């Protein structure tokens, strides 16, 4: 333990100030993500505390900060609704153990091979679902449920808000929170010493308290009362296929988000880079403890991490200390959380959901890599229409099909030699995906000409194509047909 703490003792003073900045960014996110996930606000704080005190101490990414993330909000909400709050802890616990196993097997780097279009589509789908759901919370209404159900119910929500004074008040508070965060970024750097989300929440809390507005507030009871240790009955739920699929979805999304965030963080500083396997194990250790305590799952979040680096952090101390301050705040000032209007937290999450949408990147991506843009849009739409797990699987399948299609390009040249014989040259990779093109070319050849096929230019020839070419040759047996040396079918 002493060797692990050694880097912290030599940490610069900027790490202490950076930890305060990260605290101010993390606090509204921890509470907001918990409320949006349909769980007590204290569970978000517990996850934030564990993220620094456990994951923050472990090797992996030195400056990355973890905690409850908007990216998992949709999954957590669905899991709690389907299986109940006690089972959530078991799901998170199993997620952590699976992450540790993957890291120990050196599979952390595998997540870097996932199609970037699928990842961006996943984040965009999450953003759309978050925005659609939090628009109801913004008006102090309960969301119907799934992404499509929320979207189809928006006209009804609009009509209800237009005729309800309290709902209009809540929308004004939540909308004002979004406006403050957007305007805060336009101020000079020296004026933005405090993070925009914190300023927006404090302003909304102060104004609603002063005016005594009848809005829903965050419900708090205490950290210890929120902890729910899993029992044997909940652990047995892991035998349920639905619970196991949820564990896999949690693992995939939390790991992918953490490791992609680590890659982005590495570009923001010049220090030691991330060890992806160790980082995955560190995330797993944190999720294992969060699951044991019945809290929310964690992942690395670029919002917290970039704030940490921009505030001058140099070592792990900043992310560890931010959890210490979070613990002290939750223990000493729990009543302050009960004053926060839920609509303000909805505004923060809507703002975070909008930032997940690749609006600026989509147009150039469509011009230069249309296939990637289609994968992104299909993944996002599938998540919105179905659910997170199925949407990501659809995106991955489409990305694989796209890659197979692009890698199986085959060029066919038909030339005539001096004797009038047709010579057909094949180049590239001939797979079943290109079978229609190959057969159309062969069947379009004149029936009264001698044909010679040259397959030596093929890098790959699968069994389906080889069989189709041989069948065509048998039907063309009235004419001279010569096969040049060709690659063996795979």
Protein backbone atom coordinates (compact mmCIF):
# COMPACT_ATOMS: atom_id res chain seq x y z
CA UNK A 1 0.00 0.00 0.00
CA UNK A 2 2.84 2.39 0.75
CA UNK A 3 4.20 2.12 -2.79
CA UNK A 4 0.75 2.91 -4.16
CA UNK A 5 0.45 6.01 -2.04
CA UNK A 6 3.95 7.25 -2.86
CA UNK A 7 2.92 9.23 -5.97
CA UNK A 8 0.21 10.97 -3.97
CA UNK A 9 2.62 12.31 -1.34
CA UNK A 10 4.58 14.10 -4.05
CA UNK A 11 1.52 15.57 -5.68
CA UNK A 12 1.55 19.31 -6.48
CA UNK A 13 -0.80 21.75 -4.83
CA UNK A 14 -2.73 22.12 -8.07
CA UNK A 15 -4.12 18.64 -7.49
CA UNK A 16 -5.91 19.88 -4.37
CA UNK A 17 -7.52 22.79 -6.21
CA UNK A 18 -8.34 20.50 -9.15
CA UNK A 19 -10.13 18.12 -6.78
CA UNK A 20 -12.45 20.95 -5.72
CA UNK A 21 -13.27 21.72 -9.36
CA UNK A 22 -14.01 18.04 -10.04
CA UNK A 23 -16.23 17.96 -6.95
CA UNK A 24 -18.27 20.88 -8.24
CA UNK A 25 -18.69 19.17 -11.61
CA UNK A 26 -19.38 15.75 -10.11
CA UNK A 27 -21.93 16.68 -7.44
CA UNK A 28 -24.83 17.70 -9.71
CA UNK A 29 -24.05 14.83 -12.09
CA UNK A 30 -24.09 12.22 -9.32
CA UNK A 31 -27.46 13.43 -8.06
CA UNK A 32 -28.92 14.04 -11.52
CA UNK A 33 -27.96 10.64 -12.92
CA UNK A 34 -29.42 8.90 -9.86
CA UNK A 35 -32.73 10.76 -10.09
CA UNK A 36 -32.95 10.12 -13.85
CA UNK A 37 -32.22 6.43 -13.24
CA UNK A 38 -35.16 6.14 -10.89
CA UNK A 39 -33.08 5.40 -7.77
CA UNK A 40 -32.42 7.39 -4.56
CA UNK A 41 -30.05 10.31 -5.01
CA UNK A 42 -27.73 8.88 -2.34
CA UNK A 43 -26.84 5.95 -4.60
CA UNK A 44 -25.32 8.33 -7.13
CA UNK A 45 -23.23 9.92 -4.37
CA UNK A 46 -22.07 6.49 -3.15
CA UNK A 47 -20.90 5.62 -6.66
CA UNK A 48 -19.05 8.92 -6.95
CA UNK A 49 -17.34 8.31 -3.60
CA UNK A 50 -16.31 4.75 -4.50
CA UNK A 51 -15.08 5.93 -7.90
CA UNK A 52 -12.44 8.13 -6.29
CA UNK A 53 -11.53 6.18 -3.18
CA UNK A 54 -11.24 2.80 -4.94
CA UNK A 55 -10.89 3.22 -8.72
CA UNK A 56 -8.97 6.47 -8.25
CA UNK A 57 -6.26 4.70 -6.25
CA UNK A 58 -5.73 1.87 -8.73
CA UNK A 59 -3.41 1.90 -11.77
CA UNK A 60 -4.73 2.42 -15.27
CA UNK A 61 -5.46 5.98 -16.35
CA UNK A 62 -3.78 8.47 -14.05
CA UNK A 63 -5.99 11.52 -14.58
CA UNK A 64 -9.29 10.00 -15.65
CA UNK A 65 -12.20 10.53 -13.22
CA UNK A 66 -15.01 7.99 -12.90
CA UNK A 67 -18.50 8.12 -11.47
CA UNK A 68 -22.16 7.61 -12.37
CA UNK A 69 -22.59 8.46 -16.04
CA UNK A 70 -25.54 9.62 -18.17
CA UNK A 71 -24.53 6.92 -20.65
CA UNK A 72 -25.85 4.20 -18.34
CA UNK A 73 -28.98 6.03 -17.21
CA UNK A 74 -31.26 4.34 -19.72
CA UNK A 75 -30.03 0.85 -18.85
CA UNK A 76 -30.25 1.42 -15.11
CA UNK A 77 -33.78 2.80 -15.35
CA UNK A 78 -34.89 -0.21 -17.41
CA UNK A 79 -33.15 -2.67 -15.08
CA UNK A 80 -34.73 -1.18 -11.95
CA UNK A 81 -38.15 -1.15 -13.59
CA UNK A 82 -37.82 -4.76 -14.78
CA UNK A 83 -36.03 -6.46 -11.87
CA UNK A 84 -36.27 -4.07 -8.92
CA UNK A 85 -33.74 -1.97 -7.03
CA UNK A 86 -32.21 -4.84 -4.96
CA UNK A 87 -31.33 -6.75 -8.15
CA UNK A 88 -29.57 -3.68 -9.55
CA UNK A 89 -26.79 -4.19 -7.01
CA UNK A 90 -26.32 -7.80 -8.15
CA UNK A 91 -26.17 -6.68 -11.80
CA UNK A 92 -23.53 -4.05 -11.03
CA UNK A 93 -21.59 -6.53 -8.87
CA UNK A 94 -21.51 -9.08 -11.71
CA UNK A 95 -20.55 -6.33 -14.14
CA UNK A 96 -17.55 -5.43 -11.99
CA UNK A 97 -16.40 -9.03 -11.69
CA UNK A 98 -16.72 -9.50 -15.44
CA UNK A 99 -14.68 -6.35 -16.08
CA UNK A 100 -11.95 -7.58 -13.74
CA UNK A 101 -11.91 -10.92 -15.58
CA UNK A 102 -11.68 -9.25 -18.98
CA UNK A 103 -8.85 -7.02 -17.79
CA UNK A 104 -6.98 -9.96 -16.25
CA UNK A 105 -7.25 -11.79 -19.59
CA UNK A 106 -5.71 -8.73 -21.32
CA UNK A 107 -8.90 -8.07 -23.25
CA UNK A 108 -9.08 -4.39 -22.38
CA UNK A 109 -7.49 -3.42 -25.67
CA UNK A 110 -10.13 -5.37 -27.59
CA UNK A 111 -12.62 -2.59 -26.87
CA UNK A 112 -10.44 -0.27 -28.95
CA UNK A 113 -11.29 -2.42 -32.00
CA UNK A 114 -14.99 -1.62 -31.79
CA UNK A 115 -16.27 0.40 -34.74
CA UNK A 116 -16.16 4.09 -33.88
CA UNK A 117 -19.43 4.56 -35.76
CA UNK A 118 -21.12 2.05 -33.44
CA UNK A 119 -19.73 3.81 -30.37
CA UNK A 120 -20.85 7.24 -31.58
CA UNK A 121 -24.21 5.76 -32.57
CA UNK A 122 -24.52 4.22 -29.12
CA UNK A 123 -23.81 7.57 -27.46
CA UNK A 124 -26.20 9.34 -29.83
CA UNK A 125 -28.93 6.79 -29.07
CA UNK A 126 -28.34 7.25 -25.36
CA UNK A 127 -28.52 11.01 -25.83
CA UNK A 128 -31.83 10.79 -27.68
CA UNK A 129 -33.37 8.53 -25.03
CA UNK A 130 -32.11 10.78 -22.23
CA UNK A 131 -33.52 13.93 -23.84
CA UNK A 132 -36.87 12.28 -24.63
CA UNK A 133 -37.24 10.99 -21.07
CA UNK A 134 -35.98 14.06 -19.25
CA UNK A 135 -38.37 16.38 -21.09
CA UNK A 136 -41.09 14.85 -18.92
CA UNK A 137 -39.03 15.30 -15.75
CA UNK A 138 -38.41 18.88 -16.84
CA UNK A 139 -42.17 19.44 -16.48
CA UNK A 140 -42.39 17.49 -13.19
CA UNK A 141 -44.18 14.68 -15.04
CA UNK A 142 -43.43 10.97 -15.06
CA UNK A 143 -42.08 9.60 -18.35
CA UNK A 144 -44.15 6.81 -19.97
CA UNK A 145 -41.16 4.48 -20.23
CA UNK A 146 -39.24 3.48 -23.37
CA UNK A 147 -37.66 5.83 -25.88
CA UNK A 148 -40.38 5.55 -28.54
CA UNK A 149 -43.15 5.72 -25.93
CA UNK A 150 -41.64 8.95 -24.64
CA UNK A 151 -41.38 10.45 -28.10
CA UNK A 152 -44.92 9.55 -29.12
CA UNK A 153 -46.22 11.02 -25.85
CA UNK A 154 -44.49 14.39 -26.34
CA UNK A 155 -47.51 16.04 -28.06
CA UNK A 156 -49.67 15.07 -25.08
CA UNK A 157 -47.02 16.44 -22.71
CA UNK A 158 -46.89 19.70 -24.64
CA UNK A 159 -50.65 20.12 -24.37
CA UNK A 160 -50.62 19.38 -20.65
CA UNK A 161 -47.77 21.80 -19.97
CA UNK A 162 -49.50 24.57 -21.91
CA UNK A 163 -52.54 24.34 -19.61
CA UNK A 164 -50.75 23.77 -16.28
CA UNK A 165 -49.21 26.57 -14.25
CA UNK A 166 -46.98 24.33 -12.08
CA UNK A 167 -45.73 22.44 -15.15
CA UNK A 168 -44.90 25.71 -16.91
CA UNK A 169 -43.02 26.86 -13.83
CA UNK A 170 -41.00 23.64 -13.74
CA UNK A 171 -40.19 23.95 -17.46
CA UNK A 172 -39.08 27.53 -16.92
CA UNK A 173 -36.73 26.49 -14.10
CA UNK A 174 -35.31 23.55 -16.09
CA UNK A 175 -35.04 25.60 -19.26
CA UNK A 176 -33.33 28.38 -17.33
CA UNK A 177 -30.81 25.83 -16.07
CA UNK A 178 -29.98 24.85 -19.65
CA UNK A 179 -29.64 28.48 -20.71
CA UNK A 180 -27.28 29.26 -17.84
CA UNK A 181 -25.02 26.34 -18.78
CA UNK A 182 -24.98 27.37 -22.44
CA UNK A 183 -24.23 31.03 -21.66
CA UNK A 184 -21.63 30.13 -19.04
CA UNK A 185 -19.37 28.71 -21.74
CA UNK A 186 -19.33 32.04 -23.58
CA UNK A 187 -17.84 33.92 -20.62
CA UNK A 188 -14.08 34.64 -20.41
CA UNK A 189 -11.96 31.94 -18.79
CA UNK A 190 -11.35 33.92 -15.59
CA UNK A 191 -15.09 34.35 -15.11
CA UNK A 192 -15.67 30.61 -15.33
CA UNK A 193 -13.89 29.63 -12.14
CA UNK A 194 -16.96 27.62 -11.12
CA UNK A 195 -18.38 24.89 -13.39
CA UNK A 196 -21.52 25.78 -15.33
CA UNK A 197 -23.67 22.88 -14.03
CA UNK A 198 -23.01 23.87 -10.42
CA UNK A 199 -23.80 27.54 -11.07
CA UNK A 200 -27.01 26.56 -12.87
CA UNK A 201 -28.16 24.25 -10.07
CA UNK A 202 -27.32 26.77 -7.34
CA UNK A 203 -29.16 29.52 -9.23
CA UNK A 204 -32.22 27.32 -9.76
CA UNK A 205 -32.22 26.17 -6.13
CA UNK A 206 -31.81 29.69 -4.77
CA UNK A 207 -34.53 31.20 -6.96
CA UNK A 208 -37.09 28.45 -6.34
CA UNK A 209 -36.42 28.50 -2.60
CA UNK A 210 -36.64 32.29 -2.38
CA UNK A 211 -39.87 32.37 -4.41
CA UNK A 212 -41.22 29.25 -2.64
CA UNK A 213 -42.21 27.66 -5.95
CA UNK A 214 -44.25 24.41 -5.75
CA UNK A 215 -41.76 22.14 -7.55
CA UNK A 216 -40.63 18.59 -6.92
CA UNK A 217 -37.41 18.42 -4.91
CA UNK A 218 -34.71 15.78 -4.60
CA UNK A 219 -35.61 13.25 -1.91
CA UNK A 220 -32.72 12.45 0.45
CA UNK A 221 -32.50 10.30 3.58
CA UNK A 222 -28.82 9.50 4.20
CA UNK A 223 -25.97 7.45 2.76
CA UNK A 224 -26.16 4.59 5.25
CA UNK A 225 -29.90 4.09 4.87
CA UNK A 226 -29.53 3.92 1.07
CA UNK A 227 -27.01 1.05 1.17
CA UNK A 228 -28.57 -2.32 0.33
CA UNK A 229 -26.25 -5.32 0.60
CA UNK A 230 -27.32 -8.16 -1.73
CA UNK A 231 -28.65 -11.36 -0.22
CA UNK A 232 -28.68 -14.92 -1.52
CA UNK A 233 -32.07 -14.49 -3.19
CA UNK A 234 -30.86 -11.57 -5.31
CA UNK A 235 -27.64 -13.43 -6.19
CA UNK A 236 -29.75 -16.31 -7.53
CA UNK A 237 -31.29 -13.88 -10.04
CA UNK A 238 -28.06 -14.14 -12.08
CA UNK A 239 -29.43 -17.45 -13.37
CA UNK A 240 -32.13 -15.43 -15.17
CA UNK A 241 -31.28 -14.94 -18.87
CA UNK A 242 -32.64 -11.39 -18.85
CA UNK A 243 -30.47 -10.43 -15.90
CA UNK A 244 -27.40 -12.00 -17.54
CA UNK A 245 -28.03 -10.10 -20.78
CA UNK A 246 -28.32 -6.90 -18.75
CA UNK A 247 -24.96 -7.66 -17.10
CA UNK A 248 -23.39 -8.06 -20.54
CA UNK A 249 -24.94 -4.79 -21.71
CA UNK A 250 -23.71 -2.97 -18.59
CA UNK A 251 -20.21 -4.43 -19.08
CA UNK A 252 -20.01 -3.52 -22.74
CA UNK A 253 -21.25 0.04 -22.41
CA UNK A 254 -19.41 0.90 -19.17
CA UNK A 255 -16.15 -0.57 -20.47
CA UNK A 256 -16.40 0.97 -23.92
CA UNK A 257 -17.24 4.41 -22.50
CA UNK A 258 -14.40 4.21 -19.96
CA UNK A 259 -11.73 3.10 -22.43
CA UNK A 260 -12.81 5.54 -25.13
CA UNK A 261 -12.74 8.28 -22.51
CA UNK A 262 -9.23 7.12 -21.54
CA UNK A 263 -8.07 7.47 -25.15
CA UNK A 264 -9.48 11.01 -25.24
CA UNK A 265 -7.87 11.88 -21.90
CA UNK A 266 -4.48 10.64 -23.13
CA UNK A 267 -4.64 13.25 -25.88
CA UNK A 268 -5.17 16.02 -23.32
CA UNK A 269 -1.93 15.55 -21.36
CA UNK A 270 1.72 14.65 -21.92
CA UNK A 271 2.14 12.28 -18.97
CA UNK A 272 2.07 8.47 -18.87
CA UNK A 273 -0.62 6.95 -21.06
CA UNK A 274 -3.38 4.56 -20.05
CA UNK A 275 -2.82 0.86 -19.50
CA UNK A 276 -6.16 -0.34 -20.85
CA UNK A 277 -6.17 -3.72 -19.13
CA UNK A 278 -5.36 -2.20 -15.73
CA UNK A 279 -7.92 0.54 -16.27
CA UNK A 280 -10.58 -2.04 -17.05
CA UNK A 281 -9.69 -3.93 -13.87
CA UNK A 282 -9.83 -0.69 -11.88
CA UNK A 283 -13.29 0.06 -13.25
CA UNK A 284 -14.28 -3.50 -12.40
CA UNK A 285 -13.06 -3.16 -8.81
CA UNK A 286 -15.11 0.00 -8.39
CA UNK A 287 -18.23 -1.54 -9.91
CA UNK A 288 -17.84 -4.65 -7.76
CA UNK A 289 -17.90 -2.55 -4.59
CA UNK A 290 -20.72 -0.34 -5.92
CA UNK A 291 -22.75 -3.46 -6.65
CA UNK A 292 -22.08 -4.84 -3.17
CA UNK A 293 -23.37 -1.56 -1.71
CA UNK A 294 -26.38 -1.56 -4.03
CA UNK A 295 -25.29 1.65 -5.78
CA UNK A 296 -25.20 2.79 -9.40
CA UNK A 297 -22.66 1.47 -11.92
CA UNK A 298 -19.69 3.66 -12.72
CA UNK A 299 -17.71 4.52 -15.80
CA UNK A 300 -15.09 7.08 -16.68
CA UNK A 301 -16.69 10.34 -17.77
CA UNK A 302 -14.96 12.77 -20.11
CA UNK A 303 -16.78 15.73 -18.53
CA UNK A 304 -15.17 15.12 -15.14
CA UNK A 305 -11.84 14.02 -16.62
CA UNK A 306 -11.38 17.05 -18.88
CA UNK A 307 -12.29 19.36 -15.98
CA UNK A 308 -9.68 17.58 -13.86
CA UNK A 309 -6.93 18.12 -16.44
CA UNK A 310 -7.91 21.70 -17.25
CA UNK A 311 -7.79 22.51 -13.52
CA UNK A 312 -4.12 21.49 -13.43
CA UNK A 313 -4.23 17.95 -12.01
CA UNK A 314 -0.93 16.06 -12.23
CA UNK A 315 -1.47 12.90 -10.16
CA UNK A 316 -4.17 10.61 -8.78
CA UNK A 317 -4.61 12.82 -5.74
CA UNK A 318 -7.17 15.08 -7.40
CA UNK A 319 -9.60 12.28 -8.22
CA UNK A 320 -9.15 10.67 -4.81
CA UNK A 321 -9.69 13.95 -2.95
CA UNK A 322 -12.78 14.84 -4.96
CA UNK A 323 -14.45 11.75 -3.50
CA UNK A 324 -13.34 12.72 0.00
CA UNK A 325 -15.03 16.14 -0.42
CA UNK A 326 -18.09 14.38 -1.88
CA UNK A 327 -18.29 12.13 1.18
CA UNK A 328 -17.96 15.05 3.56
CA UNK A 329 -20.63 17.03 1.73
CA UNK A 330 -23.08 14.11 1.70
CA UNK A 331 -22.43 13.37 5.38
CA UNK A 332 -22.48 16.93 6.73
CA UNK A 333 -24.91 18.74 4.41
CA UNK A 334 -27.54 16.23 3.23
CA UNK A 335 -30.35 18.76 3.72
CA UNK A 336 -28.80 20.96 1.01
CA UNK A 337 -29.52 18.25 -1.56
CA UNK A 338 -33.18 18.20 -0.57
CA UNK A 339 -33.54 21.80 -1.73
CA UNK A 340 -32.56 21.08 -5.35
CA UNK A 341 -35.51 21.13 -7.79
CA UNK A 342 -35.76 17.99 -9.91
CA UNK A 343 -36.45 20.12 -12.99
CA UNK A 344 -32.99 21.70 -12.67
CA UNK A 345 -31.35 18.28 -12.68
CA UNK A 346 -33.44 17.36 -15.72
CA UNK A 347 -32.05 20.44 -17.44
CA UNK A 348 -28.50 19.31 -16.70
CA UNK A 349 -29.15 15.86 -18.13
CA UNK A 350 -30.90 17.23 -21.22
CA UNK A 351 -27.84 19.40 -21.81
CA UNK A 352 -25.60 16.34 -21.33
CA UNK A 353 -27.80 14.27 -23.66
CA UNK A 354 -27.64 16.89 -26.40
CA UNK A 355 -23.84 16.92 -26.13
CA UNK A 356 -23.84 13.18 -26.87
CA UNK A 357 -25.37 13.84 -30.31
CA UNK A 358 -22.67 14.10 -33.03
CA UNK A 359 -24.39 17.00 -34.78
CA UNK A 360 -21.23 18.71 -36.07
CA UNK A 361 -19.48 15.48 -37.04
CA UNK A 362 -22.38 13.91 -38.93
CA UNK A 363 -22.32 16.11 -42.05
CA UNK A 364 -18.59 15.67 -42.90
CA UNK A 365 -18.89 11.98 -42.00
CA UNK A 366 -21.77 11.63 -44.46
CA UNK A 367 -19.73 13.28 -47.21
CA UNK A 368 -16.50 11.33 -46.67
CA UNK A 369 -17.58 8.00 -45.14
CA UNK A 370 -21.26 7.48 -45.89
CA UNK A 371 -21.21 3.86 -44.77
CA UNK A 372 -19.93 4.86 -41.33
CA UNK A 373 -22.62 7.55 -41.08
CA UNK A 374 -25.31 4.97 -41.91
CA UNK A 375 -24.00 2.63 -39.19
CA UNK A 376 -24.09 5.53 -36.71
CA UNK A 377 -27.65 6.54 -37.60
CA UNK A 378 -28.97 2.97 -37.63
CA UNK A 379 -27.38 2.23 -34.24
CA UNK A 380 -28.86 5.38 -32.70
CA UNK A 381 -32.28 4.71 -34.21
CA UNK A 382 -32.27 1.07 -33.17
CA UNK A 383 -31.50 2.04 -29.56
CA UNK A 384 -34.34 4.55 -29.62
CA UNK A 385 -36.83 2.06 -31.13
CA UNK A 386 -35.82 -1.12 -29.26
CA UNK A 387 -33.45 -0.89 -26.29
CA UNK A 388 -29.78 -0.34 -25.56
CA UNK A 389 -28.62 -3.93 -25.83
CA UNK A 390 -30.47 -4.78 -29.03
CA UNK A 391 -29.57 -1.45 -30.62
CA UNK A 392 -25.85 -1.94 -30.03
CA UNK A 393 -26.03 -5.51 -31.36
CA UNK A 394 -27.77 -4.27 -34.51
CA UNK A 395 -25.09 -1.61 -34.93
CA UNK A 396 -22.27 -4.13 -34.47
CA UNK A 397 -23.87 -6.53 -36.96
CA UNK A 398 -24.29 -3.76 -39.52
CA UNK A 399 -20.68 -2.65 -39.03
CA UNK A 400 -19.47 -6.22 -39.61
CA UNK A 401 -21.58 -6.54 -42.76
CA UNK A 402 -20.32 -3.18 -44.01
CA UNK A 403 -16.70 -4.17 -43.39
CA UNK A 404 -17.21 -7.52 -45.11
CA UNK A 405 -18.82 -5.80 -48.10
CA UNK A 406 -16.03 -3.25 -48.44
CA UNK A 407 -13.24 -5.82 -47.99
CA UNK A 408 -14.74 -8.17 -50.62
CA UNK A 409 -14.26 -5.90 -53.59
CA UNK A 410 -13.76 -7.77 -56.84
CA UNK A 411 -12.85 -6.28 -60.21
CA UNK A 412 -13.66 -8.18 -63.40
CA UNK A 413 -12.04 -7.26 -66.73
CA UNK A 414 -13.14 -8.88 -69.97
CA UNK A 415 -10.65 -8.70 -72.87
CA UNK A 416 -10.46 -10.28 -76.32
CA UNK A 417 -7.21 -11.83 -77.56
CA UNK A 418 -6.01 -12.10 -81.15
CA UNK A 419 -7.85 -15.36 -81.82
CA UNK A 420 -11.17 -13.91 -80.73
CA UNK A 421 -11.15 -15.73 -77.42
CA UNK A 422 -12.51 -13.86 -74.39
CA UNK A 423 -10.23 -13.66 -71.38
CA UNK A 424 -11.85 -12.80 -68.04
CA UNK A 425 -9.52 -11.46 -65.33
CA UNK A 426 -10.61 -11.47 -61.68
CA UNK A 427 -8.89 -9.20 -59.14
CA UNK A 428 -9.50 -8.60 -55.42
CA UNK A 429 -11.52 -10.78 -53.03
CA UNK A 430 -14.40 -12.92 -54.28
CA UNK A 431 -16.87 -13.66 -51.47
CA UNK A 432 -20.56 -14.58 -51.48
CA UNK A 433 -21.39 -10.89 -51.03
CA UNK A 434 -20.10 -10.24 -54.57
CA UNK A 435 -21.67 -13.35 -56.09
CA UNK A 436 -24.43 -11.44 -57.95
CA UNK A 437 -21.81 -9.22 -59.62
CA UNK A 438 -19.69 -12.22 -60.67
CA UNK A 439 -22.64 -14.21 -62.08
CA UNK A 440 -24.07 -11.17 -63.90
CA UNK A 441 -20.72 -10.65 -65.63
CA UNK A 442 -20.29 -14.31 -66.61
CA UNK A 443 -23.88 -14.73 -67.80
CA UNK A 444 -23.57 -11.60 -69.95
CA UNK A 445 -20.72 -13.14 -71.97
CA UNK A 446 -21.58 -14.13 -75.57
CA UNK A 447 -22.63 -17.78 -75.73
CA UNK A 448 -20.78 -18.38 -79.02
CA UNK A 449 -17.33 -17.33 -77.81
CA UNK A 450 -14.53 -19.36 -76.25
CA UNK A 451 -13.84 -18.13 -72.72
CA UNK A 452 -10.76 -18.33 -70.52
CA UNK A 453 -11.01 -17.47 -66.83
CA UNK A 454 -7.97 -16.06 -65.04
CA UNK A 455 -8.36 -16.24 -61.26
CA UNK A 456 -4.73 -15.60 -60.33
CA UNK A 457 -5.46 -12.00 -59.34
CA UNK A 458 -7.78 -13.02 -56.51
CA UNK A 459 -6.47 -12.66 -52.97
CA UNK A 460 -9.39 -14.67 -51.62
CA UNK A 461 -11.94 -17.01 -53.18
CA UNK A 462 -14.57 -18.48 -50.90
CA UNK A 463 -16.42 -21.75 -51.42
CA UNK A 464 -19.65 -20.12 -52.63
CA UNK A 465 -17.92 -18.20 -55.43
CA UNK A 466 -15.77 -21.15 -56.45
CA UNK A 467 -18.80 -23.40 -56.65
CA UNK A 468 -20.77 -20.83 -58.69
CA UNK A 469 -17.91 -20.37 -61.15
CA UNK A 470 -17.52 -24.13 -61.58
CA UNK A 471 -21.26 -24.53 -62.19
CA UNK A 472 -21.14 -21.81 -64.80
CA UNK A 473 -18.17 -23.53 -66.43
CA UNK A 474 -20.08 -26.82 -66.65
CA UNK A 475 -22.99 -25.09 -68.34
CA UNK A 476 -20.48 -23.45 -70.72
CA UNK A 477 -18.88 -26.80 -71.60
CA UNK A 478 -19.46 -26.46 -75.34
CA UNK A 479 -16.67 -23.93 -75.46
CA UNK A 480 -13.02 -23.99 -74.48
CA UNK A 481 -12.60 -22.94 -70.85
CA UNK A 482 -9.27 -22.85 -69.07
CA UNK A 483 -8.73 -22.13 -65.35
CA UNK A 484 -5.45 -20.51 -64.51
CA UNK A 485 -3.87 -21.20 -61.10
CA UNK A 486 -6.23 -19.79 -58.48
CA UNK A 487 -6.11 -19.41 -54.71
CA UNK A 488 -7.52 -22.28 -52.73
CA UNK A 489 -11.08 -21.78 -51.52
CA UNK A 490 -11.47 -20.86 -47.84
